[in-house]
C-alpha atoms as a PDB file:
ATOM      1  CA  UNK A   1     -39.224  -2.479  22.172  1.00  0.00           C
ATOM      2  CA  UNK A   2     -40.979  -1.419  25.300  1.00  0.00           C
ATOM      3  CA  UNK A   3     -39.722   1.688  26.983  1.00  0.00           C
ATOM      4  CA  UNK A   4     -38.813   3.452  23.731  1.00  0.00           C
ATOM      5  CA  UNK A   5     -41.690   5.503  22.268  1.00  0.00           C
ATOM      6  CA  UNK A   6     -40.274   5.681  18.738  1.00  0.00           C
ATOM      7  CA  UNK A   7     -37.443   4.164  16.748  1.00  0.00           C
ATOM      8  CA  UNK A   8     -34.381   6.192  15.937  1.00  0.00           C
ATOM      9  CA  UNK A   9     -30.750   5.038  15.644  1.00  0.00           C
ATOM     10  CA  UNK A  10     -29.892   5.881  19.258  1.00  0.00           C
ATOM     11  CA  UNK A  11     -32.930   4.065  20.672  1.00  0.00           C
ATOM     12  CA  UNK A  12     -32.227   1.073  18.447  1.00  0.00           C
ATOM     13  CA  UNK A  13     -28.610   0.870  19.665  1.00  0.00           C
ATOM     14  CA  UNK A  14     -29.751   1.056  23.282  1.00  0.00           C
ATOM     15  CA  UNK A  15     -32.286  -1.701  22.673  1.00  0.00           C
ATOM     16  CA  UNK A  16     -29.702  -3.919  20.942  1.00  0.00           C
ATOM     17  CA  UNK A  17     -27.231  -3.509  23.805  1.00  0.00           C
ATOM     18  CA  UNK A  18     -29.911  -4.756  26.196  1.00  0.00           C
ATOM     19  CA  UNK A  19     -30.367  -7.981  24.220  1.00  0.00           C
ATOM     20  CA  UNK A  20     -28.469 -10.886  25.807  1.00  0.00           C
ATOM     21  CA  UNK A  21     -27.279 -12.519  22.586  1.00  0.00           C
ATOM     22  CA  UNK A  22     -25.992  -9.303  21.041  1.00  0.00           C
ATOM     23  CA  UNK A  23     -22.312  -8.561  20.853  1.00  0.00           C
ATOM     24  CA  UNK A  24     -21.435  -5.442  18.850  1.00  0.00           C
ATOM     25  CA  UNK A  25     -18.391  -6.996  17.255  1.00  0.00           C
ATOM     26  CA  UNK A  26     -19.128 -10.704  17.785  1.00  0.00           C
ATOM     27  CA  UNK A  27     -15.374 -11.075  18.392  1.00  0.00           C
ATOM     28  CA  UNK A  28     -15.967 -12.785  21.720  1.00  0.00           C
ATOM     29  CA  UNK A  29     -17.201 -15.793  19.733  1.00  0.00           C
ATOM     30  CA  UNK A  30     -13.786 -16.189  18.085  1.00  0.00           C
ATOM     31  CA  UNK A  31     -11.890 -17.326  21.192  1.00  0.00           C
ATOM     32  CA  UNK A  32     -10.753 -20.906  20.703  1.00  0.00           C
ATOM     33  CA  UNK A  33     -11.020 -20.873  16.914  1.00  0.00           C
ATOM     34  CA  UNK A  34      -8.202 -21.829  14.559  1.00  0.00           C
ATOM     35  CA  UNK A  35      -6.448 -18.889  12.877  1.00  0.00           C
ATOM     36  CA  UNK A  36      -3.987 -18.728   9.997  1.00  0.00           C
ATOM     37  CA  UNK A  37      -2.403 -16.172   7.716  1.00  0.00           C
ATOM     38  CA  UNK A  38      -1.653 -15.759   4.041  1.00  0.00           C
ATOM     39  CA  UNK A  39       1.505 -13.736   4.674  1.00  0.00           C
ATOM     40  CA  UNK A  40       5.118 -14.837   4.983  1.00  0.00           C
ATOM     41  CA  UNK A  41       6.873 -15.450   8.282  1.00  0.00           C
ATOM     42  CA  UNK A  42       9.059 -12.397   7.634  1.00  0.00           C
ATOM     43  CA  UNK A  43       6.024 -10.112   7.267  1.00  0.00           C
ATOM     44  CA  UNK A  44       4.301 -11.634  10.296  1.00  0.00           C
ATOM     45  CA  UNK A  45       7.449 -11.132  12.406  1.00  0.00           C
ATOM     46  CA  UNK A  46       7.503  -7.433  11.543  1.00  0.00           C
ATOM     47  CA  UNK A  47       3.857  -6.985  12.570  1.00  0.00           C
ATOM     48  CA  UNK A  48       3.537  -9.093  15.731  1.00  0.00           C
ATOM     49  CA  UNK A  49       4.250  -8.401  19.387  1.00  0.00           C
ATOM     50  CA  UNK A  50       5.700 -11.455  21.114  1.00  0.00           C
ATOM     51  CA  UNK A  51       4.165 -12.504  24.428  1.00  0.00           C
ATOM     52  CA  UNK A  52       6.224 -15.694  24.826  1.00  0.00           C
ATOM     53  CA  UNK A  53       8.733 -17.613  22.724  1.00  0.00           C
ATOM     54  CA  UNK A  54      11.269 -16.566  20.080  1.00  0.00           C
ATOM     55  CA  UNK A  55       9.935 -14.331  17.305  1.00  0.00           C
ATOM     56  CA  UNK A  56      11.329 -16.284  14.353  1.00  0.00           C
ATOM     57  CA  UNK A  57      10.184 -19.653  15.714  1.00  0.00           C
ATOM     58  CA  UNK A  58       6.706 -18.377  16.646  1.00  0.00           C
ATOM     59  CA  UNK A  59       6.183 -16.699  13.236  1.00  0.00           C
ATOM     60  CA  UNK A  60       7.341 -19.778  11.338  1.00  0.00           C
ATOM     61  CA  UNK A  61       5.119 -22.013  13.469  1.00  0.00           C
ATOM     62  CA  UNK A  62       2.099 -19.771  12.828  1.00  0.00           C
ATOM     63  CA  UNK A  63       2.655 -19.640   9.053  1.00  0.00           C
ATOM     64  CA  UNK A  64       3.146 -23.413   8.781  1.00  0.00           C
ATOM     65  CA  UNK A  65       0.591 -24.718  11.310  1.00  0.00           C
ATOM     66  CA  UNK A  66      -1.725 -21.866  12.234  1.00  0.00           C
ATOM     67  CA  UNK A  67      -2.677 -21.048  15.804  1.00  0.00           C
ATOM     68  CA  UNK A  68      -5.577 -20.654  18.206  1.00  0.00           C
ATOM     69  CA  UNK A  69      -7.135 -17.328  19.177  1.00  0.00           C
ATOM     70  CA  UNK A  70      -6.926 -17.114  22.947  1.00  0.00           C
ATOM     71  CA  UNK A  71      -8.020 -13.502  23.463  1.00  0.00           C
ATOM     72  CA  UNK A  72      -9.649 -10.778  21.396  1.00  0.00           C
ATOM     73  CA  UNK A  73      -8.576  -7.206  21.985  1.00  0.00           C
ATOM     74  CA  UNK A  74      -9.841  -4.105  20.190  1.00  0.00           C
ATOM     75  CA  UNK A  75      -7.726  -4.328  17.043  1.00  0.00           C
ATOM     76  CA  UNK A  76      -5.622  -7.407  17.793  1.00  0.00           C
ATOM     77  CA  UNK A  77      -5.834 -11.101  18.511  1.00  0.00           C
ATOM     78  CA  UNK A  78      -3.682 -12.929  21.044  1.00  0.00           C
ATOM     79  CA  UNK A  79      -2.738 -16.112  19.230  1.00  0.00           C
ATOM     80  CA  UNK A  80      -1.152 -19.184  20.776  1.00  0.00           C
ATOM     81  CA  UNK A  81       0.989 -21.558  18.764  1.00  0.00           C
ATOM     82  CA  UNK A  82       3.025 -24.547  19.890  1.00  0.00           C
ATOM     83  CA  UNK A  83       6.175 -22.454  20.290  1.00  0.00           C
ATOM     84  CA  UNK A  84       4.677 -19.415  22.070  1.00  0.00           C
ATOM     85  CA  UNK A  85       2.097 -16.661  21.781  1.00  0.00           C
ATOM     86  CA  UNK A  86       1.857 -13.232  20.183  1.00  0.00           C
ATOM     87  CA  UNK A  87      -0.419 -10.283  19.461  1.00  0.00           C
ATOM     88  CA  UNK A  88      -1.215  -9.421  15.859  1.00  0.00           C
ATOM     89  CA  UNK A  89      -3.564  -7.082  14.027  1.00  0.00           C
ATOM     90  CA  UNK A  90      -6.870  -8.661  13.015  1.00  0.00           C
ATOM     91  CA  UNK A  91      -6.338  -7.712   9.374  1.00  0.00           C
ATOM     92  CA  UNK A  92      -3.407 -10.134   9.070  1.00  0.00           C
ATOM     93  CA  UNK A  93      -5.336 -13.164  10.314  1.00  0.00           C
ATOM     94  CA  UNK A  94      -7.823 -15.493   8.636  1.00  0.00           C
ATOM     95  CA  UNK A  95     -10.280 -17.157  11.001  1.00  0.00           C
END
């Protein structure tokens, strides 16, 4: 930890951010992984924001077959399924 005379939480955070392998949330590693949900299509429809496709078809497709995470945003995943794509809160998805 050269350049930092003593360890405190702020210095440790600065040091960790300078490490190449470190990602604060590690969410960037989730792109391309399979995602699914334990909720019903009706609940998923009420919580998702459609990017492409019809809401009922996309939700049903996701519940039955899962999807692939194509982008990670702060509190949401962009998930692609065969019938379209949508944004949904991370808490509703199992990776």
